[in-house]
Amino acid sequence: MPKKVSNTKANGNNNPNCVGDNVSPQFSWSNVPDGTKSLVFLMIDPEGRGGAGVNHWVAYGISPSLTGFAEGDVSKPNDKYVGGKSTQGVAFYSGPCTPPNQMAHHYTFDLIATDLAPTELPPGLTREEVTAKLAPPGQPPAHTKGVAGMVGLFVNPWHE
């Protein structure tokens, strides 16, 4: 999980989740595989919606020369990525938001290097539509050059 996570109500507004201002955290990466034409960034809560999962962020068409996003960069649409469609129906970052009285959820962040041109995928695709373009069902991942990921835990301590 991003380093900037608040654990008190006093600094909750800086939290990169739904109990604060939902400001996206800083993300950075390096060593993009040779031949990469664009990057895909996905964020999912697999335990969300009773195990059906919640796609918090779907972004693609990211230039391989980009090495990250500054804090707040992806809290709104911008020209550094093509916004897909999250479960919440938005094209930008939606932070962790566990329901009341639930254990911590795992939040998976995946950065995928692809051989797809940055403008090859149209705006508004869901996670499932993007991953189907990378690896059509029943086939190996034809357009994936590499994948990096991290998993964080979050529980919403302010639900009563």
C-alpha atoms as a PDB file:
ATOM      1  CA  MET A   1       0.000   0.000   0.000  1.00  0.00           C
ATOM      2  CA  PRO A   2       1.200   3.531  -0.512  1.00  0.00           C
ATOM      3  CA  LYS A   3       3.322   4.887   2.322  1.00  0.00           C
ATOM      4  CA  LYS A   4       1.041   7.840   2.956  1.00  0.00           C
ATOM      5  CA  VAL A   5      -1.785   6.228   4.875  1.00  0.00           C
ATOM      6  CA  SER A   6      -3.375   7.892   7.856  1.00  0.00           C
ATOM      7  CA  ASN A   7      -4.367   5.976  10.955  1.00  0.00           C
ATOM      8  CA  THR A   8      -6.252   8.690  12.795  1.00  0.00           C
ATOM      9  CA  LYS A   9      -9.279  10.837  12.119  1.00  0.00           C
ATOM     10  CA  ALA A  10      -7.121  13.929  12.601  1.00  0.00           C
ATOM     11  CA  ASN A  11      -5.131  13.311   9.429  1.00  0.00           C
ATOM     12  CA  GLY A  12      -7.814  11.326   7.588  1.00  0.00           C
ATOM     13  CA  ASN A  13      -8.235  13.967   4.880  1.00  0.00           C
ATOM     14  CA  ASN A  14      -4.813  13.025   3.531  1.00  0.00           C
ATOM     15  CA  ASN A  15      -5.760   9.375   3.254  1.00  0.00           C
ATOM     16  CA  PRO A  16      -5.836   7.955  -0.302  1.00  0.00           C
ATOM     17  CA  ASN A  17      -9.258   6.399   0.280  1.00  0.00           C
ATOM     18  CA  CYS A  18     -12.942   7.182   0.618  1.00  0.00           C
ATOM     19  CA  VAL A  19     -12.769   8.429   4.213  1.00  0.00           C
ATOM     20  CA  GLY A  20     -10.465  11.271   3.240  1.00  0.00           C
ATOM     21  CA  ASP A  21     -10.388  13.410   0.136  1.00  0.00           C
ATOM     22  CA  ASN A  22      -9.696  10.354  -2.062  1.00  0.00           C
ATOM     23  CA  VAL A  23      -6.384  11.842  -3.207  1.00  0.00           C
ATOM     24  CA  SER A  24      -4.449   9.268  -5.178  1.00  0.00           C
ATOM     25  CA  PRO A  25      -1.082   8.293  -3.704  1.00  0.00           C
ATOM     26  CA  GLN A  26       2.237   8.714  -5.466  1.00  0.00           C
ATOM     27  CA  PHE A  27       3.150   5.763  -7.711  1.00  0.00           C
ATOM     28  CA  SER A  28       6.545   5.158  -9.314  1.00  0.00           C
ATOM     29  CA  TRP A  29       8.204   2.449 -11.352  1.00  0.00           C
ATOM     30  CA  SER A  30      11.373   1.731 -13.314  1.00  0.00           C
ATOM     31  CA  ASN A  31      12.938  -0.863 -15.621  1.00  0.00           C
ATOM     32  CA  VAL A  32      10.151  -0.992 -18.185  1.00  0.00           C
ATOM     33  CA  PRO A  33      10.788  -3.977 -20.517  1.00  0.00           C
ATOM     34  CA  ASP A  34      12.321  -3.323 -23.935  1.00  0.00           C
ATOM     35  CA  GLY A  35       9.731  -3.082 -26.688  1.00  0.00           C
ATOM     36  CA  THR A  36       7.036  -1.646 -24.406  1.00  0.00           C
ATOM     37  CA  LYS A  37       4.728   0.738 -26.273  1.00  0.00           C
ATOM     38  CA  SER A  38       2.288   1.499 -23.444  1.00  0.00           C
ATOM     39  CA  LEU A  39       1.464   0.636 -19.848  1.00  0.00           C
ATOM     40  CA  VAL A  40      -1.765  -0.464 -18.186  1.00  0.00           C
ATOM     41  CA  PHE A  41      -2.458   0.236 -14.481  1.00  0.00           C
ATOM     42  CA  LEU A  42      -5.183  -1.718 -12.675  1.00  0.00           C
ATOM     43  CA  MET A  43      -6.365  -1.536  -9.059  1.00  0.00           C
ATOM     44  CA  ILE A  44      -8.788  -4.141  -7.703  1.00  0.00           C
ATOM     45  CA  ASP A  45     -10.244  -5.159  -4.349  1.00  0.00           C
ATOM     46  CA  PRO A  46     -10.880  -8.902  -4.877  1.00  0.00           C
ATOM     47  CA  GLU A  47     -12.882  -9.208  -1.634  1.00  0.00           C
ATOM     48  CA  GLY A  48     -15.177  -6.312  -2.543  1.00  0.00           C
ATOM     49  CA  ARG A  49     -18.840  -6.877  -3.379  1.00  0.00           C
ATOM     50  CA  GLY A  50     -18.911 -10.126  -1.442  1.00  0.00           C
ATOM     51  CA  GLY A  51     -16.000 -11.645  -3.365  1.00  0.00           C
ATOM     52  CA  ALA A  52     -17.123 -10.492  -6.825  1.00  0.00           C
ATOM     53  CA  GLY A  53     -14.425  -7.806  -6.701  1.00  0.00           C
ATOM     54  CA  VAL A  54     -14.352  -4.050  -7.125  1.00  0.00           C
ATOM     55  CA  ASN A  55     -12.260  -2.481  -9.876  1.00  0.00           C
ATOM     56  CA  HIS A  56     -11.111   0.795  -8.330  1.00  0.00           C
ATOM     57  CA  TRP A  57      -9.041   2.074 -11.219  1.00  0.00           C
ATOM     58  CA  VAL A  58      -8.554   1.113 -14.866  1.00  0.00           C
ATOM     59  CA  ALA A  59      -5.961   3.159 -16.766  1.00  0.00           C
ATOM     60  CA  TYR A  60      -4.083   2.439 -19.984  1.00  0.00           C
ATOM     61  CA  GLY A  61      -2.316   4.156 -22.868  1.00  0.00           C
ATOM     62  CA  ILE A  62       0.342   5.275 -20.377  1.00  0.00           C
ATOM     63  CA  SER A  63       3.607   6.251 -22.072  1.00  0.00           C
ATOM     64  CA  PRO A  64       6.477   3.864 -21.297  1.00  0.00           C
ATOM     65  CA  SER A  65       8.706   6.922 -20.795  1.00  0.00           C
ATOM     66  CA  LEU A  66       6.600   7.946 -17.785  1.00  0.00           C
ATOM     67  CA  THR A  67       8.110   6.757 -14.492  1.00  0.00           C
ATOM     68  CA  GLY A  68       5.167   7.397 -12.203  1.00  0.00           C
ATOM     69  CA  PHE A  69       2.334   9.602 -11.066  1.00  0.00           C
ATOM     70  CA  ALA A  70       2.622  12.319  -8.427  1.00  0.00           C
ATOM     71  CA  GLU A  71       0.264  12.383  -5.467  1.00  0.00           C
ATOM     72  CA  GLY A  72      -3.162  13.495  -6.676  1.00  0.00           C
ATOM     73  CA  ASP A  73      -2.278  13.049 -10.371  1.00  0.00           C
ATOM     74  CA  VAL A  74      -4.829  10.321 -11.022  1.00  0.00           C
ATOM     75  CA  SER A  75      -7.608  11.534  -8.713  1.00  0.00           C
ATOM     76  CA  LYS A  76      -9.085  13.115 -11.812  1.00  0.00           C
ATOM     77  CA  PRO A  77      -8.777  12.476 -15.550  1.00  0.00           C
ATOM     78  CA  ASN A  78      -5.645  13.850 -17.207  1.00  0.00           C
ATOM     79  CA  ASP A  79      -3.617  13.446 -20.384  1.00  0.00           C
ATOM     80  CA  LYS A  80      -1.077  11.035 -18.825  1.00  0.00           C
ATOM     81  CA  TYR A  81      -3.432   8.062 -19.211  1.00  0.00           C
ATOM     82  CA  VAL A  82      -6.585   6.892 -20.945  1.00  0.00           C
ATOM     83  CA  GLY A  83      -9.313   6.354 -18.381  1.00  0.00           C
ATOM     84  CA  GLY A  84     -11.149   3.078 -18.425  1.00  0.00           C
ATOM     85  CA  LYS A  85     -14.318   2.370 -16.448  1.00  0.00           C
ATOM     86  CA  SER A  86     -14.144   1.331 -12.806  1.00  0.00           C
ATOM     87  CA  THR A  87     -16.864  -0.549 -10.963  1.00  0.00           C
ATOM     88  CA  GLN A  88     -17.905   2.875  -9.642  1.00  0.00           C
ATOM     89  CA  GLY A  89     -18.296   4.024 -13.259  1.00  0.00           C
ATOM     90  CA  VAL A  90     -15.477   6.580 -13.244  1.00  0.00           C
ATOM     91  CA  ALA A  91     -12.316   6.912 -15.341  1.00  0.00           C
ATOM     92  CA  PHE A  92      -9.968   7.900 -12.506  1.00  0.00           C
ATOM     93  CA  TYR A  93      -8.607   6.590  -9.189  1.00  0.00           C
ATOM     94  CA  SER A  94     -11.138   5.595  -6.519  1.00  0.00           C
ATOM     95  CA  GLY A  95      -9.392   4.759  -3.277  1.00  0.00           C
ATOM     96  CA  PRO A  96      -9.938   1.852  -0.885  1.00  0.00           C
ATOM     97  CA  CYS A  97     -13.319   1.805   0.830  1.00  0.00           C
ATOM     98  CA  THR A  98     -14.158  -1.269   2.850  1.00  0.00           C
ATOM     99  CA  PRO A  99     -17.765  -1.522   4.052  1.00  0.00           C
ATOM    100  CA  PRO A 100     -18.643  -1.264   7.753  1.00  0.00           C
ATOM    101  CA  ASN A 101     -17.738  -4.141  10.066  1.00  0.00           C
ATOM    102  CA  GLN A 102     -15.495  -5.972   7.596  1.00  0.00           C
ATOM    103  CA  MET A 103     -11.975  -7.272   7.951  1.00  0.00           C
ATOM    104  CA  ALA A 104      -9.198  -5.607   5.969  1.00  0.00           C
ATOM    105  CA  HIS A 105      -9.440  -6.057   2.220  1.00  0.00           C
ATOM    106  CA  HIS A 106      -6.496  -6.706  -0.109  1.00  0.00           C
ATOM    107  CA  TYR A 107      -5.956  -4.047  -2.752  1.00  0.00           C
ATOM    108  CA  THR A 108      -3.993  -5.259  -5.757  1.00  0.00           C
ATOM    109  CA  PHE A 109      -2.122  -2.800  -7.972  1.00  0.00           C
ATOM    110  CA  ASP A 110      -0.888  -4.204 -11.301  1.00  0.00           C
ATOM    111  CA  LEU A 111       1.310  -2.365 -13.785  1.00  0.00           C
ATOM    112  CA  ILE A 112       1.390  -4.148 -17.154  1.00  0.00           C
ATOM    113  CA  ALA A 113       3.846  -3.389 -19.954  1.00  0.00           C
ATOM    114  CA  THR A 114       2.269  -3.934 -23.380  1.00  0.00           C
ATOM    115  CA  ASP A 115       3.132  -3.791 -27.057  1.00  0.00           C
ATOM    116  CA  LEU A 116      -0.090  -1.883 -27.768  1.00  0.00           C
ATOM    117  CA  ALA A 117       0.197   1.661 -29.079  1.00  0.00           C
ATOM    118  CA  PRO A 118      -0.902   4.250 -26.476  1.00  0.00           C
ATOM    119  CA  THR A 119      -3.968   5.175 -28.565  1.00  0.00           C
ATOM    120  CA  GLU A 120      -4.909   1.618 -29.563  1.00  0.00           C
ATOM    121  CA  LEU A 121      -7.534   1.120 -26.852  1.00  0.00           C
ATOM    122  CA  PRO A 122     -10.537   3.486 -26.726  1.00  0.00           C
ATOM    123  CA  PRO A 123     -11.528   5.274 -23.508  1.00  0.00           C
ATOM    124  CA  GLY A 124     -14.052   3.689 -21.173  1.00  0.00           C
ATOM    125  CA  LEU A 125     -13.015   0.028 -21.267  1.00  0.00           C
ATOM    126  CA  THR A 126     -13.615  -2.094 -18.177  1.00  0.00           C
ATOM    127  CA  ARG A 127     -10.873  -4.143 -16.544  1.00  0.00           C
ATOM    128  CA  GLU A 128     -12.248  -7.254 -18.192  1.00  0.00           C
ATOM    129  CA  GLU A 129     -12.247  -5.625 -21.626  1.00  0.00           C
ATOM    130  CA  VAL A 130      -8.658  -4.427 -21.208  1.00  0.00           C
ATOM    131  CA  THR A 131      -7.351  -7.794 -20.019  1.00  0.00           C
ATOM    132  CA  ALA A 132      -9.195  -9.544 -22.874  1.00  0.00           C
ATOM    133  CA  LYS A 133      -7.256  -7.325 -25.311  1.00  0.00           C
ATOM    134  CA  LEU A 134      -3.978  -8.303 -23.622  1.00  0.00           C
ATOM    135  CA  ALA A 135      -4.767 -12.012 -23.472  1.00  0.00           C
ATOM    136  CA  PRO A 136      -7.857 -13.139 -25.382  1.00  0.00           C
ATOM    137  CA  PRO A 137      -9.755 -15.855 -23.466  1.00  0.00           C
ATOM    138  CA  GLY A 138      -8.126 -19.249 -23.807  1.00  0.00           C
ATOM    139  CA  GLN A 139      -4.955 -17.809 -25.331  1.00  0.00           C
ATOM    140  CA  PRO A 140      -1.555 -16.797 -23.953  1.00  0.00           C
ATOM    141  CA  PRO A 141      -0.988 -13.082 -23.200  1.00  0.00           C
ATOM    142  CA  ALA A 142      -0.142 -11.959 -26.724  1.00  0.00           C
ATOM    143  CA  HIS A 143       0.402  -8.275 -25.921  1.00  0.00           C
ATOM    144  CA  THR A 144       2.016  -8.407 -22.466  1.00  0.00           C
ATOM    145  CA  LYS A 145       5.738  -7.630 -22.153  1.00  0.00           C
ATOM    146  CA  GLY A 146       5.892  -7.777 -18.342  1.00  0.00           C
ATOM    147  CA  VAL A 147       3.885  -7.311 -15.150  1.00  0.00           C
ATOM    148  CA  ALA A 148       4.708  -5.838 -11.735  1.00  0.00           C
ATOM    149  CA  GLY A 149       2.366  -5.638  -8.799  1.00  0.00           C
ATOM    150  CA  MET A 150       1.900  -4.882  -5.153  1.00  0.00           C
ATOM    151  CA  VAL A 151      -0.786  -5.700  -2.623  1.00  0.00           C
ATOM    152  CA  GLY A 152      -1.865  -3.574   0.305  1.00  0.00           C
ATOM    153  CA  LEU A 153      -4.382  -4.031   3.100  1.00  0.00           C
ATOM    154  CA  PHE A 154      -6.983  -1.501   4.138  1.00  0.00           C
ATOM    155  CA  VAL A 155      -9.840  -1.488   6.613  1.00  0.00           C
ATOM    156  CA  ASN A 156     -12.012   1.554   7.103  1.00  0.00           C
ATOM    157  CA  PRO A 157     -11.625   2.325  10.842  1.00  0.00           C
ATOM    158  CA  TRP A 158     -14.181   5.136  10.866  1.00  0.00           C
ATOM    159  CA  HIS A 159     -17.317   3.206  10.014  1.00  0.00           C
ATOM    160  CA  GLU A 160     -19.521   2.947  13.058  1.00  0.00           C
END
